[in-house]
Amino acid sequence: MAWLMRDGQVLATVEVAETLGARLRGLMGRPALEGALLVRPARSWHTLGTRFAVDVAYCDPELVVLSVVTLRPFRLGVPRLRAGSVLAAPAGAFERWGLRPGDQLEVKG
């Protein structure tokens, strides 16, 4: 497991999904998510088959946050053409972390 960081501060543990199988599986069928899930490459997100609401951050290829939304189960997010990855966490996590567009994220570990 890796760490999701911003400005040297650990925000959460993060699972990185980079293989086709891991990207396709995403959060489908999971009862919950501990920490966060980073899917790359990705330009869009959906919560079809997801049992809980999630905060979604669309990030550029350098992990700068472009936009942040909250999606309830069985919703489709609008694709972001400039996005290179998507970060998902349980709803309310981004507010606790103070995550905003323009934040530079990094994954360590």
N, C-alpha and C. Protein backbone atom coordinates (compact mmCIF):
# COMPACT_ATOMS: atom_id res chain seq x y z
N MET A 1 0.85 -1.17 0.00
CA MET A 1 0.00 0.00 0.00
C MET A 1 0.90 1.23 0.00
N ALA A 2 0.43 2.27 -0.64
CA ALA A 2 1.19 3.51 -0.76
C ALA A 2 0.48 4.61 0.03
N TRP A 3 1.12 5.77 0.10
CA TRP A 3 0.58 6.93 0.80
C TRP A 3 0.21 8.02 -0.20
N LEU A 4 -0.94 8.64 0.01
CA LEU A 4 -1.35 9.80 -0.76
C LEU A 4 -0.91 11.03 0.03
N MET A 5 -0.15 11.91 -0.62
CA MET A 5 0.41 13.06 0.09
C MET A 5 0.14 14.37 -0.66
N ARG A 6 0.12 15.47 0.14
CA ARG A 6 0.01 16.82 -0.40
C ARG A 6 0.90 17.70 0.46
N ASP A 7 1.82 18.40 -0.15
CA ASP A 7 2.73 19.30 0.58
C ASP A 7 3.44 18.60 1.73
N GLY A 8 3.85 17.35 1.53
CA GLY A 8 4.58 16.61 2.55
C GLY A 8 3.72 16.03 3.65
N GLN A 9 2.41 16.24 3.58
CA GLN A 9 1.48 15.73 4.59
C GLN A 9 0.77 14.50 4.05
N VAL A 10 0.71 13.44 4.86
CA VAL A 10 -0.01 12.23 4.48
C VAL A 10 -1.51 12.46 4.62
N LEU A 11 -2.25 12.24 3.53
CA LEU A 11 -3.70 12.37 3.57
C LEU A 11 -4.37 11.04 3.87
N ALA A 12 -3.87 9.96 3.25
CA ALA A 12 -4.50 8.65 3.42
C ALA A 12 -3.63 7.58 2.78
N THR A 13 -3.97 6.33 3.06
CA THR A 13 -3.39 5.24 2.28
C THR A 13 -4.06 5.28 0.92
N VAL A 14 -3.34 4.83 -0.09
CA VAL A 14 -3.91 4.84 -1.44
C VAL A 14 -3.57 3.55 -2.16
N GLU A 15 -4.55 3.00 -2.81
CA GLU A 15 -4.38 1.84 -3.67
C GLU A 15 -4.31 2.39 -5.09
N VAL A 16 -3.30 1.99 -5.85
CA VAL A 16 -3.13 2.47 -7.22
C VAL A 16 -3.56 1.37 -8.19
N ALA A 17 -4.53 1.69 -9.03
CA ALA A 17 -5.03 0.74 -10.02
C ALA A 17 -4.51 1.17 -11.39
N GLU A 18 -3.50 0.47 -11.90
CA GLU A 18 -2.92 0.82 -13.19
C GLU A 18 -3.10 -0.26 -14.24
N THR A 19 -3.41 -1.49 -13.82
CA THR A 19 -3.63 -2.55 -14.80
C THR A 19 -5.06 -2.47 -15.31
N LEU A 20 -5.30 -3.04 -16.47
CA LEU A 20 -6.64 -3.01 -17.05
C LEU A 20 -7.65 -3.65 -16.11
N GLY A 21 -7.32 -4.79 -15.56
CA GLY A 21 -8.24 -5.48 -14.65
C GLY A 21 -8.56 -4.67 -13.42
N ALA A 22 -7.55 -4.08 -12.81
CA ALA A 22 -7.75 -3.27 -11.60
C ALA A 22 -8.56 -2.02 -11.92
N ARG A 23 -8.32 -1.40 -13.07
CA ARG A 23 -9.07 -0.21 -13.46
C ARG A 23 -10.54 -0.55 -13.72
N LEU A 24 -10.78 -1.68 -14.38
CA LEU A 24 -12.16 -2.07 -14.67
C LEU A 24 -12.92 -2.45 -13.40
N ARG A 25 -12.24 -3.09 -12.47
CA ARG A 25 -12.87 -3.50 -11.21
C ARG A 25 -13.19 -2.28 -10.35
N GLY A 26 -12.25 -1.37 -10.22
CA GLY A 26 -12.48 -0.15 -9.44
C GLY A 26 -13.04 -0.44 -8.06
N LEU A 27 -14.20 0.13 -7.77
CA LEU A 27 -14.86 -0.05 -6.48
C LEU A 27 -16.07 -0.96 -6.56
N MET A 28 -16.34 -1.52 -7.74
CA MET A 28 -17.54 -2.34 -7.91
C MET A 28 -17.55 -3.52 -6.95
N GLY A 29 -18.66 -3.66 -6.25
CA GLY A 29 -18.86 -4.78 -5.35
C GLY A 29 -18.22 -4.65 -3.98
N ARG A 30 -17.42 -3.63 -3.77
CA ARG A 30 -16.79 -3.44 -2.45
C ARG A 30 -17.81 -2.89 -1.47
N PRO A 31 -17.78 -3.38 -0.23
CA PRO A 31 -18.71 -2.83 0.76
C PRO A 31 -18.27 -1.46 1.28
N ALA A 32 -16.98 -1.15 1.17
CA ALA A 32 -16.45 0.13 1.67
C ALA A 32 -15.07 0.34 1.06
N LEU A 33 -14.51 1.51 1.30
CA LEU A 33 -13.16 1.83 0.85
C LEU A 33 -12.41 2.45 2.02
N GLU A 34 -11.28 1.88 2.34
CA GLU A 34 -10.39 2.46 3.35
C GLU A 34 -9.36 3.30 2.61
N GLY A 35 -9.20 4.54 2.97
CA GLY A 35 -8.23 5.40 2.29
C GLY A 35 -8.77 5.88 0.96
N ALA A 36 -7.99 5.66 -0.11
CA ALA A 36 -8.36 6.17 -1.42
C ALA A 36 -7.95 5.18 -2.50
N LEU A 37 -8.52 5.37 -3.68
CA LEU A 37 -8.18 4.57 -4.86
C LEU A 37 -7.80 5.54 -5.97
N LEU A 38 -6.60 5.37 -6.52
CA LEU A 38 -6.14 6.18 -7.65
C LEU A 38 -6.16 5.30 -8.89
N VAL A 39 -6.91 5.72 -9.90
CA VAL A 39 -7.03 4.96 -11.14
C VAL A 39 -6.35 5.77 -12.23
N ARG A 40 -5.36 5.12 -12.88
CA ARG A 40 -4.68 5.80 -13.99
C ARG A 40 -4.24 4.80 -15.03
N PRO A 41 -4.37 5.14 -16.28
CA PRO A 41 -4.97 6.38 -16.80
C PRO A 41 -6.49 6.32 -16.71
N ALA A 42 -7.10 7.48 -16.54
CA ALA A 42 -8.56 7.60 -16.49
C ALA A 42 -8.96 9.05 -16.71
N ARG A 43 -10.09 9.23 -17.38
CA ARG A 43 -10.63 10.58 -17.59
C ARG A 43 -12.05 10.73 -17.06
N SER A 44 -12.63 9.61 -16.64
CA SER A 44 -14.00 9.67 -16.14
C SER A 44 -14.18 8.67 -15.01
N TRP A 45 -15.33 8.74 -14.35
CA TRP A 45 -15.61 7.87 -13.21
C TRP A 45 -17.10 7.61 -13.17
N HIS A 46 -17.47 6.43 -12.70
CA HIS A 46 -18.87 6.11 -12.48
C HIS A 46 -18.99 5.35 -11.17
N THR A 47 -20.19 5.33 -10.64
CA THR A 47 -20.43 4.58 -9.41
C THR A 47 -21.43 3.45 -9.65
N LEU A 48 -21.51 2.96 -10.88
CA LEU A 48 -22.36 1.81 -11.19
C LEU A 48 -21.78 0.61 -10.46
N GLY A 49 -22.60 -0.08 -9.71
CA GLY A 49 -22.13 -1.24 -8.95
C GLY A 49 -21.44 -0.88 -7.65
N THR A 50 -21.41 0.40 -7.30
CA THR A 50 -20.80 0.85 -6.06
C THR A 50 -21.90 1.01 -5.01
N ARG A 51 -21.61 0.61 -3.79
CA ARG A 51 -22.62 0.59 -2.73
C ARG A 51 -22.62 1.84 -1.86
N PHE A 52 -21.72 2.77 -2.12
CA PHE A 52 -21.59 3.94 -1.25
C PHE A 52 -21.20 5.15 -2.07
N ALA A 53 -21.48 6.35 -1.54
CA ALA A 53 -21.12 7.59 -2.21
C ALA A 53 -19.61 7.81 -2.11
N VAL A 54 -19.04 8.43 -3.14
CA VAL A 54 -17.59 8.69 -3.16
C VAL A 54 -17.30 10.12 -3.57
N ASP A 55 -16.23 10.65 -3.02
CA ASP A 55 -15.65 11.89 -3.51
C ASP A 55 -14.74 11.50 -4.66
N VAL A 56 -14.77 12.27 -5.74
CA VAL A 56 -13.96 11.99 -6.92
C VAL A 56 -13.17 13.24 -7.28
N ALA A 57 -11.86 13.07 -7.44
CA ALA A 57 -11.00 14.17 -7.89
C ALA A 57 -10.43 13.78 -9.25
N TYR A 58 -10.67 14.61 -10.23
CA TYR A 58 -10.08 14.41 -11.55
C TYR A 58 -8.74 15.14 -11.53
N CYS A 59 -7.68 14.42 -11.87
CA CYS A 59 -6.32 14.98 -11.80
C CYS A 59 -5.65 14.95 -13.16
N ASP A 60 -4.77 15.90 -13.41
CA ASP A 60 -4.01 15.89 -14.66
C ASP A 60 -2.91 14.82 -14.55
N PRO A 61 -2.13 14.60 -15.61
CA PRO A 61 -1.10 13.55 -15.55
C PRO A 61 -0.06 13.74 -14.45
N GLU A 62 0.13 14.97 -13.95
CA GLU A 62 1.10 15.23 -12.88
C GLU A 62 0.45 15.22 -11.50
N LEU A 63 -0.80 14.76 -11.42
CA LEU A 63 -1.59 14.67 -10.18
C LEU A 63 -1.94 16.02 -9.57
N VAL A 64 -2.14 17.02 -10.41
CA VAL A 64 -2.71 18.29 -9.95
C VAL A 64 -4.22 18.14 -10.06
N VAL A 65 -4.94 18.44 -8.99
CA VAL A 65 -6.39 18.28 -8.96
C VAL A 65 -7.04 19.32 -9.88
N LEU A 66 -7.85 18.83 -10.82
CA LEU A 66 -8.55 19.70 -11.77
C LEU A 66 -9.94 20.06 -11.26
N SER A 67 -10.66 19.07 -10.74
CA SER A 67 -12.00 19.31 -10.20
C SER A 67 -12.35 18.21 -9.21
N VAL A 68 -13.31 18.52 -8.36
CA VAL A 68 -13.73 17.61 -7.30
C VAL A 68 -15.26 17.54 -7.30
N VAL A 69 -15.80 16.32 -7.24
CA VAL A 69 -17.25 16.12 -7.16
C VAL A 69 -17.53 14.97 -6.19
N THR A 70 -18.78 14.89 -5.75
CA THR A 70 -19.24 13.75 -4.96
C THR A 70 -20.30 13.04 -5.78
N LEU A 71 -20.16 11.73 -5.90
CA LEU A 71 -21.11 10.93 -6.67
C LEU A 71 -21.79 9.91 -5.76
N ARG A 72 -23.10 9.87 -5.82
CA ARG A 72 -23.85 8.83 -5.11
C ARG A 72 -23.80 7.54 -5.93
N PRO A 73 -24.19 6.42 -5.34
CA PRO A 73 -24.18 5.15 -6.09
C PRO A 73 -25.01 5.23 -7.37
N PHE A 74 -24.58 4.51 -8.38
CA PHE A 74 -25.25 4.37 -9.67
C PHE A 74 -25.36 5.70 -10.43
N ARG A 75 -24.27 6.47 -10.41
CA ARG A 75 -24.21 7.74 -11.16
C ARG A 75 -23.04 7.70 -12.14
N LEU A 76 -23.12 8.52 -13.18
CA LEU A 76 -22.04 8.67 -14.16
C LEU A 76 -21.44 10.05 -14.00
N GLY A 77 -20.12 10.12 -13.90
CA GLY A 77 -19.43 11.40 -13.85
C GLY A 77 -19.17 11.91 -15.26
N VAL A 78 -19.03 13.20 -15.40
CA VAL A 78 -18.72 13.81 -16.69
C VAL A 78 -17.22 13.66 -16.95
N PRO A 79 -16.82 13.12 -18.11
CA PRO A 79 -15.39 12.98 -18.41
C PRO A 79 -14.70 14.34 -18.46
N ARG A 80 -13.45 14.37 -17.99
CA ARG A 80 -12.62 15.57 -18.05
C ARG A 80 -11.49 15.30 -19.04
N LEU A 81 -11.48 16.02 -20.14
CA LEU A 81 -10.53 15.74 -21.22
C LEU A 81 -9.08 15.94 -20.80
N ARG A 82 -8.81 16.86 -19.88
CA ARG A 82 -7.43 17.11 -19.44
C ARG A 82 -6.98 16.14 -18.36
N ALA A 83 -7.90 15.32 -17.85
CA ALA A 83 -7.55 14.40 -16.76
C ALA A 83 -6.65 13.28 -17.25
N GLY A 84 -5.78 12.85 -16.36
CA GLY A 84 -4.92 11.71 -16.63
C GLY A 84 -5.15 10.61 -15.62
N SER A 85 -5.82 10.96 -14.50
CA SER A 85 -6.13 9.99 -13.47
C SER A 85 -7.32 10.48 -12.66
N VAL A 86 -7.91 9.54 -11.92
CA VAL A 86 -9.06 9.84 -11.07
C VAL A 86 -8.78 9.27 -9.69
N LEU A 87 -9.01 10.08 -8.68
CA LEU A 87 -8.84 9.68 -7.29
C LEU A 87 -10.21 9.58 -6.65
N ALA A 88 -10.50 8.45 -6.00
CA ALA A 88 -11.78 8.25 -5.32
C ALA A 88 -11.54 7.95 -3.85
N ALA A 89 -12.42 8.47 -3.01
CA ALA A 89 -12.36 8.24 -1.56
C ALA A 89 -13.79 8.27 -1.03
N PRO A 90 -14.04 7.72 0.15
CA PRO A 90 -15.39 7.78 0.71
C PRO A 90 -15.89 9.22 0.79
N ALA A 91 -17.18 9.41 0.53
CA ALA A 91 -17.76 10.75 0.57
C ALA A 91 -17.45 11.43 1.90
N GLY A 92 -17.03 12.69 1.81
CA GLY A 92 -16.67 13.47 2.99
C GLY A 92 -15.19 13.51 3.26
N ALA A 93 -14.43 12.60 2.65
CA ALA A 93 -12.98 12.55 2.89
C ALA A 93 -12.29 13.81 2.38
N PHE A 94 -12.66 14.27 1.19
CA PHE A 94 -11.97 15.43 0.62
C PHE A 94 -12.19 16.68 1.47
N GLU A 95 -13.37 16.80 2.04
CA GLU A 95 -13.63 17.94 2.93
C GLU A 95 -12.74 17.87 4.16
N ARG A 96 -12.62 16.67 4.75
CA ARG A 96 -11.74 16.49 5.92
C ARG A 96 -10.29 16.78 5.55
N TRP A 97 -9.87 16.40 4.36
CA TRP A 97 -8.49 16.61 3.92
C TRP A 97 -8.25 18.03 3.43
N GLY A 98 -9.31 18.79 3.17
CA GLY A 98 -9.17 20.12 2.60
C GLY A 98 -8.72 20.07 1.15
N LEU A 99 -9.09 19.01 0.42
CA LEU A 99 -8.65 18.84 -0.97
C LEU A 99 -9.43 19.76 -1.88
N ARG A 100 -8.71 20.52 -2.71
CA ARG A 100 -9.31 21.51 -3.60
C ARG A 100 -8.64 21.46 -4.98
N PRO A 101 -9.35 21.97 -6.01
CA PRO A 101 -8.70 22.10 -7.31
C PRO A 101 -7.43 22.94 -7.19
N GLY A 102 -6.39 22.52 -7.89
CA GLY A 102 -5.10 23.18 -7.84
C GLY A 102 -4.12 22.50 -6.91
N ASP A 103 -4.59 21.63 -6.00
CA ASP A 103 -3.69 20.92 -5.10
C ASP A 103 -2.80 19.96 -5.89
N GLN A 104 -1.54 19.91 -5.53
CA GLN A 104 -0.57 18.98 -6.11
C GLN A 104 -0.48 17.76 -5.20
N LEU A 105 -0.84 16.61 -5.73
CA LEU A 105 -0.77 15.37 -4.95
C LEU A 105 0.44 14.56 -5.37
N GLU A 106 0.84 13.64 -4.51
CA GLU A 106 1.88 12.68 -4.88
C GLU A 106 1.60 11.36 -4.16
N VAL A 107 2.09 10.30 -4.76
CA VAL A 107 1.97 8.96 -4.19
C VAL A 107 3.37 8.50 -3.82
N LYS A 108 3.53 8.09 -2.59
CA LYS A 108 4.84 7.60 -2.11
C LYS A 108 4.67 6.20 -1.59
N GLY A 109 5.73 5.40 -1.83
CA GLY A 109 5.71 4.04 -1.32
C GLY A 109 5.33 3.10 -2.35
